[in-house]
Amino acid sequence: MQALNAWLAGHDRGLLLQGPDPDSPHPVLHGIVIAQRPAPGSHVRRWDTITVWLGNEPGPGVREPRRPIPPLGHLHAEISDET
């Protein structure tokens, strides 16, 4: 998730986000959240602080739906029809 979206989502739920270095001059607004502590799904109190680590590139994982799989030969037939 983009850092700004994570900050807004956390604030809407009564949580505060901070980077691993709370005294850093850079706000937690740019980049992609790659890790957090406490872990997602943990129980926290309202206005507790969530520490997030940011990266510039998306992590590994599927970025587009891969289901349903097209039938075998289906895409080949479309290419043949266009030529």
PDB file of N, CA and C in Angstrom:
ATOM      1  N   MET A   1       0.845  -1.163   0.000  1.00  0.00           N
ATOM      2  CA  MET A   1       0.000   0.000   0.000  1.00  0.00           C
ATOM      3  C   MET A   1       0.899   1.237   0.000  1.00  0.00           C
ATOM      4  N   GLN A   2       0.479   2.242  -0.709  1.00  0.00           N
ATOM      5  CA  GLN A   2       1.213   3.501  -0.698  1.00  0.00           C
ATOM      6  C   GLN A   2       1.221   4.072   0.719  1.00  0.00           C
ATOM      7  N   ALA A   3       2.314   4.691   1.108  1.00  0.00           N
ATOM      8  CA  ALA A   3       2.479   5.191   2.472  1.00  0.00           C
ATOM      9  C   ALA A   3       1.404   6.206   2.848  1.00  0.00           C
ATOM     10  N   LEU A   4       1.080   7.123   1.949  1.00  0.00           N
ATOM     11  CA  LEU A   4       0.067   8.126   2.265  1.00  0.00           C
ATOM     12  C   LEU A   4      -1.290   7.467   2.496  1.00  0.00           C
ATOM     13  N   ASN A   5      -1.640   6.490   1.659  1.00  0.00           N
ATOM     14  CA  ASN A   5      -2.907   5.771   1.838  1.00  0.00           C
ATOM     15  C   ASN A   5      -2.921   5.005   3.155  1.00  0.00           C
ATOM     16  N   ALA A   6      -1.797   4.417   3.522  1.00  0.00           N
ATOM     17  CA  ALA A   6      -1.707   3.692   4.793  1.00  0.00           C
ATOM     18  C   ALA A   6      -1.864   4.658   5.964  1.00  0.00           C
ATOM     19  N   TRP A   7      -1.238   5.822   5.868  1.00  0.00           N
ATOM     20  CA  TRP A   7      -1.352   6.811   6.934  1.00  0.00           C
ATOM     21  C   TRP A   7      -2.803   7.251   7.090  1.00  0.00           C
ATOM     22  N   LEU A   8      -3.470   7.528   5.970  1.00  0.00           N
ATOM     23  CA  LEU A   8      -4.870   7.960   6.023  1.00  0.00           C
ATOM     24  C   LEU A   8      -5.773   6.852   6.565  1.00  0.00           C
ATOM     25  N   ALA A   9      -5.559   5.615   6.110  1.00  0.00           N
ATOM     26  CA  ALA A   9      -6.369   4.489   6.593  1.00  0.00           C
ATOM     27  C   ALA A   9      -6.159   4.273   8.084  1.00  0.00           C
ATOM     28  N   GLY A  10      -4.913   4.374   8.528  1.00  0.00           N
ATOM     29  CA  GLY A  10      -4.625   4.220   9.950  1.00  0.00           C
ATOM     30  C   GLY A  10      -5.271   5.329  10.772  1.00  0.00           C
ATOM     31  N   HIS A  11      -5.162   6.552  10.305  1.00  0.00           N
ATOM     32  CA  HIS A  11      -5.743   7.682  11.026  1.00  0.00           C
ATOM     33  C   HIS A  11      -7.258   7.550  11.116  1.00  0.00           C
ATOM     34  N   ASP A  12      -7.897   7.111  10.027  1.00  0.00           N
ATOM     35  CA  ASP A  12      -9.353   6.912  10.036  1.00  0.00           C
ATOM     36  C   ASP A  12      -9.770   5.862  11.060  1.00  0.00           C
ATOM     37  N   ARG A  13      -8.866   4.946  11.404  1.00  0.00           N
ATOM     38  CA  ARG A  13      -9.162   3.889  12.377  1.00  0.00           C
ATOM     39  C   ARG A  13      -8.577   4.191  13.759  1.00  0.00           C
ATOM     40  N   GLY A  14      -8.041   5.396  13.917  1.00  0.00           N
ATOM     41  CA  GLY A  14      -7.517   5.790  15.217  1.00  0.00           C
ATOM     42  C   GLY A  14      -6.136   5.259  15.505  1.00  0.00           C
ATOM     43  N   LEU A  15      -5.285   5.167  14.494  1.00  0.00           N
ATOM     44  CA  LEU A  15      -3.903   4.695  14.677  1.00  0.00           C
ATOM     45  C   LEU A  15      -2.940   5.740  14.145  1.00  0.00           C
ATOM     46  N   LEU A  16      -1.739   5.756  14.678  1.00  0.00           N
ATOM     47  CA  LEU A  16      -0.705   6.667  14.220  1.00  0.00           C
ATOM     48  C   LEU A  16       0.405   5.863  13.547  1.00  0.00           C
ATOM     49  N   LEU A  17       0.846   6.316  12.385  1.00  0.00           N
ATOM     50  CA  LEU A  17       1.944   5.658  11.690  1.00  0.00           C
ATOM     51  C   LEU A  17       3.218   6.462  11.862  1.00  0.00           C
ATOM     52  N   GLN A  18       4.324   5.770  12.048  1.00  0.00           N
ATOM     53  CA  GLN A  18       5.631   6.407  12.109  1.00  0.00           C
ATOM     54  C   GLN A  18       6.640   5.513  11.420  1.00  0.00           C
ATOM     55  N   GLY A  19       7.735   6.112  10.974  1.00  0.00           N
ATOM     56  CA  GLY A  19       8.827   5.349  10.396  1.00  0.00           C
ATOM     57  C   GLY A  19       9.672   4.729  11.490  1.00  0.00           C
ATOM     58  N   PRO A  20      10.652   3.906  11.117  1.00  0.00           N
ATOM     59  CA  PRO A  20      11.505   3.258  12.115  1.00  0.00           C
ATOM     60  C   PRO A  20      12.336   4.259  12.911  1.00  0.00           C
ATOM     61  N   ASP A  21      12.572   5.448  12.360  1.00  0.00           N
ATOM     62  CA  ASP A  21      13.293   6.500  13.074  1.00  0.00           C
ATOM     63  C   ASP A  21      12.326   7.661  13.303  1.00  0.00           C
ATOM     64  N   PRO A  22      11.675   7.711  14.463  1.00  0.00           N
ATOM     65  CA  PRO A  22      10.674   8.749  14.704  1.00  0.00           C
ATOM     66  C   PRO A  22      11.224  10.174  14.642  1.00  0.00           C
ATOM     67  N   ASP A  23      12.539  10.343  14.802  1.00  0.00           N
ATOM     68  CA  ASP A  23      13.137  11.678  14.761  1.00  0.00           C
ATOM     69  C   ASP A  23      13.595  12.075  13.359  1.00  0.00           C
ATOM     70  N   SER A  24      13.296  11.249  12.370  1.00  0.00           N
ATOM     71  CA  SER A  24      13.696  11.533  10.995  1.00  0.00           C
ATOM     72  C   SER A  24      12.977  12.787  10.483  1.00  0.00           C
ATOM     73  N   PRO A  25      13.674  13.605   9.691  1.00  0.00           N
ATOM     74  CA  PRO A  25      13.015  14.797   9.138  1.00  0.00           C
ATOM     75  C   PRO A  25      12.042  14.466   8.004  1.00  0.00           C
ATOM     76  N   HIS A  26      12.064  13.216   7.530  1.00  0.00           N
ATOM     77  CA  HIS A  26      11.204  12.829   6.414  1.00  0.00           C
ATOM     78  C   HIS A  26       9.899  12.238   6.938  1.00  0.00           C
ATOM     79  N   PRO A  27       8.776  12.805   6.520  1.00  0.00           N
ATOM     80  CA  PRO A  27       7.497  12.245   6.966  1.00  0.00           C
ATOM     81  C   PRO A  27       7.211  10.913   6.286  1.00  0.00           C
ATOM     82  N   VAL A  28       6.331  10.135   6.879  1.00  0.00           N
ATOM     83  CA  VAL A  28       5.945   8.837   6.318  1.00  0.00           C
ATOM     84  C   VAL A  28       4.841   9.096   5.297  1.00  0.00           C
ATOM     85  N   LEU A  29       5.227   9.606   4.122  1.00  0.00           N
ATOM     86  CA  LEU A  29       4.235   9.921   3.095  1.00  0.00           C
ATOM     87  C   LEU A  29       4.589   9.360   1.732  1.00  0.00           C
ATOM     88  N   HIS A  30       5.858   9.055   1.502  1.00  0.00           N
ATOM     89  CA  HIS A  30       6.288   8.636   0.170  1.00  0.00           C
ATOM     90  C   HIS A  30       6.862   7.232   0.210  1.00  0.00           C
ATOM     91  N   GLY A  31       6.486   6.423  -0.763  1.00  0.00           N
ATOM     92  CA  GLY A  31       6.974   5.056  -0.853  1.00  0.00           C
ATOM     93  C   GLY A  31       5.851   4.061  -0.630  1.00  0.00           C
ATOM     94  N   ILE A  32       6.233   2.815  -0.551  1.00  0.00           N
ATOM     95  CA  ILE A  32       5.289   1.712  -0.387  1.00  0.00           C
ATOM     96  C   ILE A  32       5.617   1.006   0.918  1.00  0.00           C
ATOM     97  N   VAL A  33       4.592   0.747   1.715  1.00  0.00           N
ATOM     98  CA  VAL A  33       4.790   0.049   2.980  1.00  0.00           C
ATOM     99  C   VAL A  33       5.191  -1.391   2.679  1.00  0.00           C
ATOM    100  N   ILE A  34       6.370  -1.803   3.179  1.00  0.00           N
ATOM    101  CA  ILE A  34       6.841  -3.166   2.933  1.00  0.00           C
ATOM    102  C   ILE A  34       6.818  -4.020   4.197  1.00  0.00           C
ATOM    103  N   ALA A  35       6.716  -3.379   5.367  1.00  0.00           N
ATOM    104  CA  ALA A  35       6.641  -4.111   6.635  1.00  0.00           C
ATOM    105  C   ALA A  35       6.060  -3.195   7.693  1.00  0.00           C
ATOM    106  N   GLN A  36       5.526  -3.808   8.737  1.00  0.00           N
ATOM    107  CA  GLN A  36       5.010  -3.021   9.853  1.00  0.00           C
ATOM    108  C   GLN A  36       5.132  -3.797  11.150  1.00  0.00           C
ATOM    109  N   ARG A  37       5.167  -3.058  12.257  1.00  0.00           N
ATOM    110  CA  ARG A  37       5.186  -3.649  13.586  1.00  0.00           C
ATOM    111  C   ARG A  37       4.275  -2.831  14.465  1.00  0.00           C
ATOM    112  N   PRO A  38       3.331  -3.382  15.155  1.00  0.00           N
ATOM    113  CA  PRO A  38       2.971  -4.789  15.228  1.00  0.00           C
ATOM    114  C   PRO A  38       2.432  -5.305  13.896  1.00  0.00           C
ATOM    115  N   ALA A  39       2.425  -6.608  13.762  1.00  0.00           N
ATOM    116  CA  ALA A  39       2.019  -7.262  12.514  1.00  0.00           C
ATOM    117  C   ALA A  39       0.557  -6.959  12.184  1.00  0.00           C
ATOM    118  N   PRO A  40       0.191  -7.012  10.890  1.00  0.00           N
ATOM    119  CA  PRO A  40      -1.201  -6.815  10.510  1.00  0.00           C
ATOM    120  C   PRO A  40      -2.103  -7.804  11.251  1.00  0.00           C
ATOM    121  N   GLY A  41      -3.247  -7.319  11.696  1.00  0.00           N
ATOM    122  CA  GLY A  41      -4.202  -8.162  12.403  1.00  0.00           C
ATOM    123  C   GLY A  41      -4.003  -8.189  13.911  1.00  0.00           C
ATOM    124  N   SER A  42      -2.908  -7.571  14.396  1.00  0.00           N
ATOM    125  CA  SER A  42      -2.668  -7.527  15.839  1.00  0.00           C
ATOM    126  C   SER A  42      -3.673  -6.593  16.501  1.00  0.00           C
ATOM    127  N   HIS A  43      -3.977  -6.874  17.748  1.00  0.00           N
ATOM    128  CA  HIS A  43      -4.884  -6.012  18.507  1.00  0.00           C
ATOM    129  C   HIS A  43      -4.078  -4.874  19.127  1.00  0.00           C
ATOM    130  N   VAL A  44      -4.505  -3.656  18.856  1.00  0.00           N
ATOM    131  CA  VAL A  44      -3.861  -2.468  19.416  1.00  0.00           C
ATOM    132  C   VAL A  44      -4.938  -1.540  19.964  1.00  0.00           C
ATOM    133  N   ARG A  45      -4.521  -0.636  20.837  1.00  0.00           N
ATOM    134  CA  ARG A  45      -5.458   0.340  21.394  1.00  0.00           C
ATOM    135  C   ARG A  45      -5.577   1.536  20.462  1.00  0.00           C
ATOM    136  N   ARG A  46      -6.656   2.258  20.621  1.00  0.00           N
ATOM    137  CA  ARG A  46      -6.876   3.470  19.827  1.00  0.00           C
ATOM    138  C   ARG A  46      -5.717   4.440  20.051  1.00  0.00           C
ATOM    139  N   TRP A  47      -5.225   5.015  18.959  1.00  0.00           N
ATOM    140  CA  TRP A  47      -4.123   5.966  18.887  1.00  0.00           C
ATOM    141  C   TRP A  47      -2.782   5.364  19.276  1.00  0.00           C
ATOM    142  N   ASP A  48      -2.677   4.025  19.233  1.00  0.00           N
ATOM    143  CA  ASP A  48      -1.363   3.400  19.354  1.00  0.00           C
ATOM    144  C   ASP A  48      -0.550   3.715  18.103  1.00  0.00           C
ATOM    145  N   THR A  49       0.753   3.582  18.215  1.00  0.00           N
ATOM    146  CA  THR A  49       1.649   3.864  17.095  1.00  0.00           C
ATOM    147  C   THR A  49       2.006   2.575  16.373  1.00  0.00           C
ATOM    148  N   ILE A  50       1.914   2.624  15.051  1.00  0.00           N
ATOM    149  CA  ILE A  50       2.321   1.523  14.181  1.00  0.00           C
ATOM    150  C   ILE A  50       3.594   1.980  13.468  1.00  0.00           C
ATOM    151  N   THR A  51       4.657   1.191  13.589  1.00  0.00           N
ATOM    152  CA  THR A  51       5.910   1.502  12.905  1.00  0.00           C
ATOM    153  C   THR A  51       5.899   0.818  11.543  1.00  0.00           C
ATOM    154  N   VAL A  52       6.181   1.601  10.498  1.00  0.00           N
ATOM    155  CA  VAL A  52       6.186   1.056   9.142  1.00  0.00           C
ATOM    156  C   VAL A  52       7.544   1.288   8.495  1.00  0.00           C
ATOM    157  N   TRP A  53       7.934   0.355   7.635  1.00  0.00           N
ATOM    158  CA  TRP A  53       9.149   0.462   6.835  1.00  0.00           C
ATOM    159  C   TRP A  53       8.706   0.656   5.394  1.00  0.00           C
ATOM    160  N   LEU A  54       9.370   1.565   4.701  1.00  0.00           N
ATOM    161  CA  LEU A  54       8.970   1.920   3.347  1.00  0.00           C
ATOM    162  C   LEU A  54      10.019   1.503   2.333  1.00  0.00           C
ATOM    163  N   GLY A  55       9.555   1.202   1.136  1.00  0.00           N
ATOM    164  CA  GLY A  55      10.415   0.898   0.005  1.00  0.00           C
ATOM    165  C   GLY A  55       9.922   1.685  -1.197  1.00  0.00           C
ATOM    166  N   ASN A  56      10.708   1.717  -2.244  1.00  0.00           N
ATOM    167  CA  ASN A  56      10.328   2.461  -3.439  1.00  0.00           C
ATOM    168  C   ASN A  56       9.669   1.585  -4.494  1.00  0.00           C
ATOM    169  N   GLU A  57       9.959   0.311  -4.473  1.00  0.00           N
ATOM    170  CA  GLU A  57       9.433  -0.605  -5.483  1.00  0.00           C
ATOM    171  C   GLU A  57       8.418  -1.533  -4.843  1.00  0.00           C
ATOM    172  N   PRO A  58       7.418  -1.958  -5.608  1.00  0.00           N
ATOM    173  CA  PRO A  58       6.492  -2.953  -5.065  1.00  0.00           C
ATOM    174  C   PRO A  58       7.214  -4.252  -4.768  1.00  0.00           C
ATOM    175  N   GLY A  59       6.789  -4.932  -3.753  1.00  0.00           N
ATOM    176  CA  GLY A  59       7.384  -6.204  -3.387  1.00  0.00           C
ATOM    177  C   GLY A  59       6.927  -7.312  -4.316  1.00  0.00           C
ATOM    178  N   PRO A  60       7.401  -8.520  -4.062  1.00  0.00           N
ATOM    179  CA  PRO A  60       6.989  -9.631  -4.908  1.00  0.00           C
ATOM    180  C   PRO A  60       5.515  -9.932  -4.707  1.00  0.00           C
ATOM    181  N   GLY A  61       4.935 -10.530  -5.702  1.00  0.00           N
ATOM    182  CA  GLY A  61       3.522 -10.896  -5.601  1.00  0.00           C
ATOM    183  C   GLY A  61       2.806 -10.652  -6.914  1.00  0.00           C
ATOM    184  N   VAL A  62       1.645 -11.161  -7.007  1.00  0.00           N
ATOM    185  CA  VAL A  62       0.831 -11.023  -8.214  1.00  0.00           C
ATOM    186  C   VAL A  62       0.260  -9.619  -8.251  1.00  0.00           C
ATOM    187  N   ARG A  63       0.415  -8.940  -9.363  1.00  0.00           N
ATOM    188  CA  ARG A  63      -0.068  -7.574  -9.504  1.00  0.00           C
ATOM    189  C   ARG A  63      -1.288  -7.478 -10.414  1.00  0.00           C
ATOM    190  N   GLU A  64      -1.717  -8.586 -10.966  1.00  0.00           N
ATOM    191  CA  GLU A  64      -2.907  -8.583 -11.809  1.00  0.00           C
ATOM    192  C   GLU A  64      -3.595  -9.929 -11.680  1.00  0.00           C
ATOM    193  N   PRO A  65      -4.891  -9.958 -11.921  1.00  0.00           N
ATOM    194  CA  PRO A  65      -5.580 -11.253 -11.809  1.00  0.00           C
ATOM    195  C   PRO A  65      -5.077 -12.249 -12.853  1.00  0.00           C
ATOM    196  N   ARG A  66      -4.889 -13.472 -12.465  1.00  0.00           N
ATOM    197  CA  ARG A  66      -4.448 -14.523 -13.379  1.00  0.00           C
ATOM    198  C   ARG A  66      -5.540 -15.569 -13.567  1.00  0.00           C
ATOM    199  N   ARG A  67      -6.712 -15.334 -13.039  1.00  0.00           N
ATOM    200  CA  ARG A  67      -7.834 -16.259 -13.187  1.00  0.00           C
ATOM    201  C   ARG A  67      -9.003 -15.531 -13.787  1.00  0.00           C
ATOM    202  N   PRO A  68      -9.780 -16.075 -14.605  1.00  0.00           N
ATOM    203  CA  PRO A  68      -9.659 -17.419 -15.153  1.00  0.00           C
ATOM    204  C   PRO A  68      -8.576 -17.473 -16.228  1.00  0.00           C
ATOM    205  N   ILE A  69      -7.974 -18.619 -16.354  1.00  0.00           N
ATOM    206  CA  ILE A  69      -6.948 -18.835 -17.362  1.00  0.00           C
ATOM    207  C   ILE A  69      -7.646 -18.992 -18.718  1.00  0.00           C
ATOM    208  N   PRO A  70      -7.180 -18.276 -19.751  1.00  0.00           N
ATOM    209  CA  PRO A  70      -7.801 -18.432 -21.071  1.00  0.00           C
ATOM    210  C   PRO A  70      -7.658 -19.862 -21.570  1.00  0.00           C
ATOM    211  N   PRO A  71      -8.642 -20.363 -22.294  1.00  0.00           N
ATOM    212  CA  PRO A  71      -8.549 -21.722 -22.836  1.00  0.00           C
ATOM    213  C   PRO A  71      -7.319 -21.863 -23.734  1.00  0.00           C
ATOM    214  N   LEU A  72      -6.746 -23.062 -23.757  1.00  0.00           N
ATOM    215  CA  LEU A  72      -5.566 -23.342 -24.559  1.00  0.00           C
ATOM    216  C   LEU A  72      -5.844 -23.021 -26.024  1.00  0.00           C
ATOM    217  N   GLY A  73      -4.981 -22.233 -26.641  1.00  0.00           N
ATOM    218  CA  GLY A  73      -5.135 -21.867 -28.043  1.00  0.00           C
ATOM    219  C   GLY A  73      -6.032 -20.663 -28.271  1.00  0.00           C
ATOM    220  N   HIS A  74      -6.689 -20.158 -27.250  1.00  0.00           N
ATOM    221  CA  HIS A  74      -7.617 -19.044 -27.403  1.00  0.00           C
ATOM    222  C   HIS A  74      -6.920 -17.779 -27.892  1.00  0.00           C
ATOM    223  N   LEU A  75      -5.805 -17.427 -27.254  1.00  0.00           N
ATOM    224  CA  LEU A  75      -5.102 -16.221 -27.660  1.00  0.00           C
ATOM    225  C   LEU A  75      -4.499 -16.373 -29.052  1.00  0.00           C
ATOM    226  N   HIS A  76      -4.039 -17.551 -29.396  1.00  0.00           N
ATOM    227  CA  HIS A  76      -3.505 -17.803 -30.736  1.00  0.00           C
ATOM    228  C   HIS A  76      -4.571 -17.557 -31.789  1.00  0.00           C
ATOM    229  N   ALA A  77      -5.818 -17.962 -31.511  1.00  0.00           N
ATOM    230  CA  ALA A  77      -6.909 -17.770 -32.456  1.00  0.00           C
ATOM    231  C   ALA A  77      -7.180 -16.281 -32.652  1.00  0.00           C
ATOM    232  N   GLU A  78      -7.110 -15.462 -31.605  1.00  0.00           N
ATOM    233  CA  GLU A  78      -7.333 -14.035 -31.736  1.00  0.00           C
ATOM    234  C   GLU A  78      -6.252 -13.394 -32.596  1.00  0.00           C
ATOM    235  N   ILE A  79      -5.003 -13.797 -32.424  1.00  0.00           N
ATOM    236  CA  ILE A  79      -3.917 -13.240 -33.205  1.00  0.00           C
ATOM    237  C   ILE A  79      -4.090 -13.618 -34.677  1.00  0.00           C
ATOM    238  N   SER A  80      -4.493 -14.848 -34.954  1.00  0.00           N
ATOM    239  CA  SER A  80      -4.692 -15.291 -36.335  1.00  0.00           C
ATOM    240  C   SER A  80      -5.821 -14.533 -37.007  1.00  0.00           C
ATOM    241  N   ASP A  81      -6.873 -14.181 -36.274  1.00  0.00           N
ATOM    242  CA  ASP A  81      -8.012 -13.476 -36.855  1.00  0.00           C
ATOM    243  C   ASP A  81      -7.661 -12.041 -37.228  1.00  0.00           C
ATOM    244  N   GLU A  82      -6.711 -11.425 -36.503  1.00  0.00           N
ATOM    245  CA  GLU A  82      -6.360 -10.039 -36.757  1.00  0.00           C
ATOM    246  C   GLU A  82      -5.471  -9.884 -37.990  1.00  0.00           C
ATOM    247  N   THR A  83      -4.769 -10.906 -38.419  1.00  0.00           N
ATOM    248  CA  THR A  83      -3.836 -10.767 -39.538  1.00  0.00           C
ATOM    249  C   THR A  83      -4.483 -11.129 -40.840  1.00  0.00           C
TER     250      THR A  83
END
